[in-house]
Amino acid sequence: MPAARRLRTRLDPDTYGGAYLLGLRGLAVIAHGNSGRAAVANAIRLAARGVDHDVVGRLAERLGSTVLKSGPSTTPTPT
């Protein structure tokens, strides 16, 4: 039973609060739509840690500038 409780805690969305949203030039944390107080507080802590650890800068450094440059839209425009 203790192992199951540890696993449940590790998988509980309130424990983490959210996840980084990749593909942005800034830091964004997205949380579950049904997040409670604990999840929102943990999402804020996650965002603060991301800023403290320069997640965006480090990711940009590792991916290289070619990946981060935006290309032209390939969506056809209506006529």
PDB file of N, CA and C in Angstrom:
ATOM      1  N   MET A   1       0.809  -1.202   0.000  1.00  0.00           N
ATOM      2  CA  MET A   1       0.000   0.000   0.000  1.00  0.00           C
ATOM      3  C   MET A   1       0.859   1.275   0.000  1.00  0.00           C
ATOM      4  N   PRO A   2       1.957   1.349   0.765  1.00  0.00           N
ATOM      5  CA  PRO A   2       2.769   2.560   0.726  1.00  0.00           C
ATOM      6  C   PRO A   2       3.322   2.846  -0.667  1.00  0.00           C
ATOM      7  N   ALA A   3       3.675   1.812  -1.410  1.00  0.00           N
ATOM      8  CA  ALA A   3       4.196   2.007  -2.764  1.00  0.00           C
ATOM      9  C   ALA A   3       3.120   2.589  -3.665  1.00  0.00           C
ATOM     10  N   ALA A   4       1.894   2.137  -3.508  1.00  0.00           N
ATOM     11  CA  ALA A   4       0.779   2.661  -4.304  1.00  0.00           C
ATOM     12  C   ALA A   4       0.521   4.126  -3.970  1.00  0.00           C
ATOM     13  N   ARG A   5       0.636   4.482  -2.709  1.00  0.00           N
ATOM     14  CA  ARG A   5       0.452   5.888  -2.307  1.00  0.00           C
ATOM     15  C   ARG A   5       1.534   6.774  -2.902  1.00  0.00           C
ATOM     16  N   ARG A   6       2.776   6.292  -2.899  1.00  0.00           N
ATOM     17  CA  ARG A   6       3.872   7.073  -3.495  1.00  0.00           C
ATOM     18  C   ARG A   6       3.643   7.269  -4.988  1.00  0.00           C
ATOM     19  N   LEU A   7       3.198   6.216  -5.650  1.00  0.00           N
ATOM     20  CA  LEU A   7       2.925   6.300  -7.080  1.00  0.00           C
ATOM     21  C   LEU A   7       1.777   7.280  -7.350  1.00  0.00           C
ATOM     22  N   ARG A   8       0.745   7.203  -6.548  1.00  0.00           N
ATOM     23  CA  ARG A   8      -0.395   8.122  -6.713  1.00  0.00           C
ATOM     24  C   ARG A   8       0.062   9.565  -6.533  1.00  0.00           C
ATOM     25  N   THR A   9       0.908   9.824  -5.552  1.00  0.00           N
ATOM     26  CA  THR A   9       1.423  11.173  -5.323  1.00  0.00           C
ATOM     27  C   THR A   9       2.243  11.640  -6.516  1.00  0.00           C
ATOM     28  N   ARG A  10       3.050  10.754  -7.071  1.00  0.00           N
ATOM     29  CA  ARG A  10       3.884  11.118  -8.226  1.00  0.00           C
ATOM     30  C   ARG A  10       3.050  11.401  -9.462  1.00  0.00           C
ATOM     31  N   LEU A  11       1.901  10.739  -9.608  1.00  0.00           N
ATOM     32  CA  LEU A  11       1.059  10.904 -10.781  1.00  0.00           C
ATOM     33  C   LEU A  11      -0.047  11.939 -10.594  1.00  0.00           C
ATOM     34  N   ASP A  12      -0.227  12.421  -9.389  1.00  0.00           N
ATOM     35  CA  ASP A  12      -1.287  13.383  -9.089  1.00  0.00           C
ATOM     36  C   ASP A  12      -0.968  14.735  -9.724  1.00  0.00           C
ATOM     37  N   PRO A  13      -1.847  15.265 -10.597  1.00  0.00           N
ATOM     38  CA  PRO A  13      -1.572  16.553 -11.250  1.00  0.00           C
ATOM     39  C   PRO A  13      -1.412  17.708 -10.256  1.00  0.00           C
ATOM     40  N   ASP A  14      -2.055  17.620  -9.098  1.00  0.00           N
ATOM     41  CA  ASP A  14      -1.920  18.685  -8.103  1.00  0.00           C
ATOM     42  C   ASP A  14      -0.500  18.768  -7.563  1.00  0.00           C
ATOM     43  N   THR A  15       0.239  17.652  -7.595  1.00  0.00           N
ATOM     44  CA  THR A  15       1.607  17.643  -7.093  1.00  0.00           C
ATOM     45  C   THR A  15       2.503  18.550  -7.916  1.00  0.00           C
ATOM     46  N   TYR A  16       2.322  18.550  -9.228  1.00  0.00           N
ATOM     47  CA  TYR A  16       3.174  19.339 -10.121  1.00  0.00           C
ATOM     48  C   TYR A  16       2.526  20.656 -10.508  1.00  0.00           C
ATOM     49  N   GLY A  17       1.228  20.667 -10.606  1.00  0.00           N
ATOM     50  CA  GLY A  17       0.511  21.904 -10.914  1.00  0.00           C
ATOM     51  C   GLY A  17       0.428  22.191 -12.392  1.00  0.00           C
ATOM     52  N   GLY A  18       1.389  21.777 -13.164  1.00  0.00           N
ATOM     53  CA  GLY A  18       1.360  22.068 -14.593  1.00  0.00           C
ATOM     54  C   GLY A  18       2.632  21.604 -15.264  1.00  0.00           C
ATOM     55  N   ALA A  19       2.760  21.996 -16.527  1.00  0.00           N
ATOM     56  CA  ALA A  19       3.932  21.629 -17.310  1.00  0.00           C
ATOM     57  C   ALA A  19       4.314  22.794 -18.201  1.00  0.00           C
ATOM     58  N   TYR A  20       5.580  22.851 -18.572  1.00  0.00           N
ATOM     59  CA  TYR A  20       6.033  23.900 -19.479  1.00  0.00           C
ATOM     60  C   TYR A  20       5.385  23.707 -20.842  1.00  0.00           C
ATOM     61  N   LEU A  21       4.990  24.790 -21.449  1.00  0.00           N
ATOM     62  CA  LEU A  21       4.437  24.773 -22.791  1.00  0.00           C
ATOM     63  C   LEU A  21       5.542  25.162 -23.749  1.00  0.00           C
ATOM     64  N   LEU A  22       5.987  24.216 -24.547  1.00  0.00           N
ATOM     65  CA  LEU A  22       7.102  24.454 -25.460  1.00  0.00           C
ATOM     66  C   LEU A  22       6.605  25.081 -26.759  1.00  0.00           C
ATOM     67  N   GLY A  23       7.505  25.791 -27.419  1.00  0.00           N
ATOM     68  CA  GLY A  23       7.172  26.425 -28.681  1.00  0.00           C
ATOM     69  C   GLY A  23       6.984  27.921 -28.547  1.00  0.00           C
ATOM     70  N   LEU A  24       7.212  28.441 -27.380  1.00  0.00           N
ATOM     71  CA  LEU A  24       7.087  29.868 -27.129  1.00  0.00           C
ATOM     72  C   LEU A  24       8.466  30.458 -26.875  1.00  0.00           C
ATOM     73  N   ARG A  25       8.585  31.729 -27.071  1.00  0.00           N
ATOM     74  CA  ARG A  25       9.862  32.391 -26.790  1.00  0.00           C
ATOM     75  C   ARG A  25       9.932  32.885 -25.344  1.00  0.00           C
ATOM     76  N   GLY A  26       8.940  32.595 -24.590  1.00  0.00           N
ATOM     77  CA  GLY A  26       8.923  32.938 -23.176  1.00  0.00           C
ATOM     78  C   GLY A  26       8.522  31.700 -22.390  1.00  0.00           C
ATOM     79  N   LEU A  27       8.426  31.844 -21.094  1.00  0.00           N
ATOM     80  CA  LEU A  27       8.071  30.719 -20.239  1.00  0.00           C
ATOM     81  C   LEU A  27       6.569  30.724 -19.997  1.00  0.00           C
ATOM     82  N   ALA A  28       5.932  29.596 -20.266  1.00  0.00           N
ATOM     83  CA  ALA A  28       4.506  29.431 -19.988  1.00  0.00           C
ATOM     84  C   ALA A  28       4.320  28.094 -19.280  1.00  0.00           C
ATOM     85  N   VAL A  29       3.458  28.095 -18.293  1.00  0.00           N
ATOM     86  CA  VAL A  29       3.105  26.865 -17.592  1.00  0.00           C
ATOM     87  C   VAL A  29       1.616  26.672 -17.791  1.00  0.00           C
ATOM     88  N   ILE A  30       1.232  25.500 -18.226  1.00  0.00           N
ATOM     89  CA  ILE A  30      -0.175  25.214 -18.438  1.00  0.00           C
ATOM     90  C   ILE A  30      -0.624  24.201 -17.398  1.00  0.00           C
ATOM     91  N   ALA A  31      -1.763  24.462 -16.804  1.00  0.00           N
ATOM     92  CA  ALA A  31      -2.296  23.594 -15.751  1.00  0.00           C
ATOM     93  C   ALA A  31      -3.564  22.912 -16.252  1.00  0.00           C
ATOM     94  N   HIS A  32      -3.957  21.879 -15.569  1.00  0.00           N
ATOM     95  CA  HIS A  32      -5.185  21.169 -15.882  1.00  0.00           C
ATOM     96  C   HIS A  32      -6.370  22.097 -15.639  1.00  0.00           C
ATOM     97  N   GLY A  33      -7.404  21.971 -16.418  1.00  0.00           N
ATOM     98  CA  GLY A  33      -8.580  22.840 -16.297  1.00  0.00           C
ATOM     99  C   GLY A  33      -9.307  22.717 -14.977  1.00  0.00           C
ATOM    100  N   ASN A  34      -9.130  21.631 -14.297  1.00  0.00           N
ATOM    101  CA  ASN A  34      -9.825  21.407 -13.032  1.00  0.00           C
ATOM    102  C   ASN A  34      -8.860  21.529 -11.850  1.00  0.00           C
ATOM    103  N   SER A  35      -7.864  22.387 -11.979  1.00  0.00           N
ATOM    104  CA  SER A  35      -6.842  22.519 -10.942  1.00  0.00           C
ATOM    105  C   SER A  35      -7.403  23.170  -9.690  1.00  0.00           C
ATOM    106  N   GLY A  36      -6.999  22.617  -8.564  1.00  0.00           N
ATOM    107  CA  GLY A  36      -7.382  23.187  -7.286  1.00  0.00           C
ATOM    108  C   GLY A  36      -6.317  24.156  -6.790  1.00  0.00           C
ATOM    109  N   ARG A  37      -6.467  24.598  -5.568  1.00  0.00           N
ATOM    110  CA  ARG A  37      -5.533  25.566  -4.979  1.00  0.00           C
ATOM    111  C   ARG A  37      -4.097  25.057  -4.962  1.00  0.00           C
ATOM    112  N   ALA A  38      -3.946  23.803  -4.559  1.00  0.00           N
ATOM    113  CA  ALA A  38      -2.594  23.239  -4.471  1.00  0.00           C
ATOM    114  C   ALA A  38      -1.947  23.189  -5.848  1.00  0.00           C
ATOM    115  N   ALA A  39      -2.711  22.816  -6.875  1.00  0.00           N
ATOM    116  CA  ALA A  39      -2.159  22.724  -8.227  1.00  0.00           C
ATOM    117  C   ALA A  39      -1.757  24.096  -8.741  1.00  0.00           C
ATOM    118  N   VAL A  40      -2.563  25.109  -8.499  1.00  0.00           N
ATOM    119  CA  VAL A  40      -2.236  26.462  -8.952  1.00  0.00           C
ATOM    120  C   VAL A  40      -0.978  26.962  -8.242  1.00  0.00           C
ATOM    121  N   ALA A  41      -0.899  26.725  -6.943  1.00  0.00           N
ATOM    122  CA  ALA A  41       0.290  27.135  -6.190  1.00  0.00           C
ATOM    123  C   ALA A  41       1.536  26.419  -6.714  1.00  0.00           C
ATOM    124  N   ASN A  42       1.417  25.133  -7.013  1.00  0.00           N
ATOM    125  CA  ASN A  42       2.555  24.383  -7.533  1.00  0.00           C
ATOM    126  C   ASN A  42       2.918  24.814  -8.947  1.00  0.00           C
ATOM    127  N   ALA A  43       1.932  25.204  -9.749  1.00  0.00           N
ATOM    128  CA  ALA A  43       2.208  25.717 -11.098  1.00  0.00           C
ATOM    129  C   ALA A  43       2.989  27.027 -11.012  1.00  0.00           C
ATOM    130  N   ILE A  44       2.651  27.867 -10.069  1.00  0.00           N
ATOM    131  CA  ILE A  44       3.378  29.125  -9.870  1.00  0.00           C
ATOM    132  C   ILE A  44       4.813  28.827  -9.431  1.00  0.00           C
ATOM    133  N   ARG A  45       4.975  27.863  -8.536  1.00  0.00           N
ATOM    134  CA  ARG A  45       6.327  27.470  -8.116  1.00  0.00           C
ATOM    135  C   ARG A  45       7.125  26.917  -9.292  1.00  0.00           C
ATOM    136  N   LEU A  46       6.471  26.135 -10.147  1.00  0.00           N
ATOM    137  CA  LEU A  46       7.135  25.580 -11.322  1.00  0.00           C
ATOM    138  C   LEU A  46       7.597  26.708 -12.244  1.00  0.00           C
ATOM    139  N   ALA A  47       6.756  27.700 -12.464  1.00  0.00           N
ATOM    140  CA  ALA A  47       7.128  28.842 -13.306  1.00  0.00           C
ATOM    141  C   ALA A  47       8.310  29.594 -12.702  1.00  0.00           C
ATOM    142  N   ALA A  48       8.289  29.803 -11.405  1.00  0.00           N
ATOM    143  CA  ALA A  48       9.391  30.498 -10.737  1.00  0.00           C
ATOM    144  C   ALA A  48      10.696  29.713 -10.876  1.00  0.00           C
ATOM    145  N   ARG A  49      10.625  28.388 -10.726  1.00  0.00           N
ATOM    146  CA  ARG A  49      11.826  27.560 -10.910  1.00  0.00           C
ATOM    147  C   ARG A  49      12.327  27.632 -12.341  1.00  0.00           C
ATOM    148  N   GLY A  50      11.396  27.678 -13.286  1.00  0.00           N
ATOM    149  CA  GLY A  50      11.777  27.784 -14.689  1.00  0.00           C
ATOM    150  C   GLY A  50      12.519  29.067 -14.978  1.00  0.00           C
ATOM    151  N   VAL A  51      12.089  30.158 -14.353  1.00  0.00           N
ATOM    152  CA  VAL A  51      12.780  31.439 -14.513  1.00  0.00           C
ATOM    153  C   VAL A  51      14.138  31.381 -13.823  1.00  0.00           C
ATOM    154  N   ASP A  52      14.163  30.877 -12.608  1.00  0.00           N
ATOM    155  CA  ASP A  52      15.422  30.776 -11.860  1.00  0.00           C
ATOM    156  C   ASP A  52      16.468  29.944 -12.598  1.00  0.00           C
ATOM    157  N   HIS A  53      16.018  28.895 -13.276  1.00  0.00           N
ATOM    158  CA  HIS A  53      16.937  27.982 -13.965  1.00  0.00           C
ATOM    159  C   HIS A  53      17.072  28.313 -15.452  1.00  0.00           C
ATOM    160  N   ASP A  54      16.529  29.436 -15.878  1.00  0.00           N
ATOM    161  CA  ASP A  54      16.632  29.904 -17.267  1.00  0.00           C
ATOM    162  C   ASP A  54      16.287  28.795 -18.262  1.00  0.00           C
ATOM    163  N   VAL A  55      15.132  28.191 -18.077  1.00  0.00           N
ATOM    164  CA  VAL A  55      14.703  27.091 -18.924  1.00  0.00           C
ATOM    165  C   VAL A  55      14.656  27.505 -20.393  1.00  0.00           C
ATOM    166  N   VAL A  56      14.100  28.667 -20.692  1.00  0.00           N
ATOM    167  CA  VAL A  56      13.980  29.119 -22.078  1.00  0.00           C
ATOM    168  C   VAL A  56      15.356  29.335 -22.696  1.00  0.00           C
ATOM    169  N   GLY A  57      16.245  30.013 -21.998  1.00  0.00           N
ATOM    170  CA  GLY A  57      17.585  30.270 -22.512  1.00  0.00           C
ATOM    171  C   GLY A  57      18.383  29.001 -22.718  1.00  0.00           C
ATOM    172  N   ARG A  58      18.289  28.087 -21.774  1.00  0.00           N
ATOM    173  CA  ARG A  58      19.028  26.835 -21.880  1.00  0.00           C
ATOM    174  C   ARG A  58      18.489  25.966 -23.013  1.00  0.00           C
ATOM    175  N   LEU A  59      17.165  25.978 -23.176  1.00  0.00           N
ATOM    176  CA  LEU A  59      16.563  25.218 -24.267  1.00  0.00           C
ATOM    177  C   LEU A  59      16.979  25.798 -25.611  1.00  0.00           C
ATOM    178  N   ALA A  60      16.960  27.118 -25.723  1.00  0.00           N
ATOM    179  CA  ALA A  60      17.380  27.774 -26.967  1.00  0.00           C
ATOM    180  C   ALA A  60      18.839  27.456 -27.284  1.00  0.00           C
ATOM    181  N   GLU A  61      19.666  27.439 -26.262  1.00  0.00           N
ATOM    182  CA  GLU A  61      21.088  27.128 -26.429  1.00  0.00           C
ATOM    183  C   GLU A  61      21.290  25.710 -26.961  1.00  0.00           C
ATOM    184  N   ARG A  62      20.528  24.789 -26.438  1.00  0.00           N
ATOM    185  CA  ARG A  62      20.693  23.383 -26.831  1.00  0.00           C
ATOM    186  C   ARG A  62      20.086  23.087 -28.196  1.00  0.00           C
ATOM    187  N   LEU A  63      18.996  23.759 -28.530  1.00  0.00           N
ATOM    188  CA  LEU A  63      18.348  23.493 -29.814  1.00  0.00           C
ATOM    189  C   LEU A  63      19.026  24.213 -30.965  1.00  0.00           C
ATOM    190  N   GLY A  64      19.663  25.314 -30.689  1.00  0.00           N
ATOM    191  CA  GLY A  64      20.300  26.087 -31.749  1.00  0.00           C
ATOM    192  C   GLY A  64      19.333  27.086 -32.356  1.00  0.00           C
ATOM    193  N   SER A  65      19.873  28.068 -32.989  1.00  0.00           N
ATOM    194  CA  SER A  65      19.051  29.170 -33.493  1.00  0.00           C
ATOM    195  C   SER A  65      18.174  28.762 -34.670  1.00  0.00           C
ATOM    196  N   THR A  66      18.562  27.768 -35.441  1.00  0.00           N
ATOM    197  CA  THR A  66      17.764  27.417 -36.613  1.00  0.00           C
ATOM    198  C   THR A  66      16.410  26.844 -36.243  1.00  0.00           C
ATOM    199  N   VAL A  67      16.329  26.149 -35.141  1.00  0.00           N
ATOM    200  CA  VAL A  67      15.060  25.570 -34.724  1.00  0.00           C
ATOM    201  C   VAL A  67      14.126  26.645 -34.209  1.00  0.00           C
ATOM    202  N   LEU A  68      14.668  27.667 -33.564  1.00  0.00           N
ATOM    203  CA  LEU A  68      13.829  28.670 -32.930  1.00  0.00           C
ATOM    204  C   LEU A  68      13.340  29.756 -33.883  1.00  0.00           C
ATOM    205  N   LYS A  69      13.914  29.856 -35.065  1.00  0.00           N
ATOM    206  CA  LYS A  69      13.461  30.866 -36.005  1.00  0.00           C
ATOM    207  C   LYS A  69      12.110  30.453 -36.570  1.00  0.00           C
ATOM    208  N   SER A  70      11.216  31.408 -36.644  1.00  0.00           N
ATOM    209  CA  SER A  70       9.897  31.130 -37.205  1.00  0.00           C
ATOM    210  C   SER A  70       9.977  31.145 -38.718  1.00  0.00           C
ATOM    211  N   GLY A  71       9.348  30.197 -39.318  1.00  0.00           N
ATOM    212  CA  GLY A  71       9.284  30.153 -40.773  1.00  0.00           C
ATOM    213  C   GLY A  71       7.974  30.749 -41.248  1.00  0.00           C
ATOM    214  N   PRO A  72       7.839  30.912 -42.543  1.00  0.00           N
ATOM    215  CA  PRO A  72       6.587  31.448 -43.068  1.00  0.00           C
ATOM    216  C   PRO A  72       5.446  30.478 -42.857  1.00  0.00           C
ATOM    217  N   SER A  73       4.271  31.008 -42.751  1.00  0.00           N
ATOM    218  CA  SER A  73       3.086  30.184 -42.561  1.00  0.00           C
ATOM    219  C   SER A  73       2.831  29.374 -43.818  1.00  0.00           C
ATOM    220  N   THR A  74       2.456  28.125 -43.645  1.00  0.00           N
ATOM    221  CA  THR A  74       2.126  27.286 -44.782  1.00  0.00           C
ATOM    222  C   THR A  74       0.621  27.137 -44.937  1.00  0.00           C
ATOM    223  N   THR A  75      -0.135  27.854 -44.119  1.00  0.00           N
ATOM    224  CA  THR A  75      -1.580  27.797 -44.194  1.00  0.00           C
ATOM    225  C   THR A  75      -2.060  28.619 -45.379  1.00  0.00           C
ATOM    226  N   PRO A  76      -2.828  28.024 -46.280  1.00  0.00           N
ATOM    227  CA  PRO A  76      -3.300  28.797 -47.429  1.00  0.00           C
ATOM    228  C   PRO A  76      -4.282  29.875 -46.996  1.00  0.00           C
ATOM    229  N   THR A  77      -4.205  31.011 -47.640  1.00  0.00           N
ATOM    230  CA  THR A  77      -5.131  32.100 -47.329  1.00  0.00           C
ATOM    231  C   THR A  77      -6.364  31.966 -48.214  1.00  0.00           C
ATOM    232  N   PRO A  78      -7.549  32.201 -47.623  1.00  0.00           N
ATOM    233  CA  PRO A  78      -8.778  32.078 -48.420  1.00  0.00           C
ATOM    234  C   PRO A  78      -8.842  33.162 -49.495  1.00  0.00           C
ATOM    235  N   THR A  79      -9.400  32.820 -50.650  1.00  0.00           N
ATOM    236  CA  THR A  79      -9.535  33.805 -51.741  1.00  0.00           C
ATOM    237  C   THR A  79     -10.952  34.214 -51.965  1.00  0.00           C
TER     238      THR A  79
END
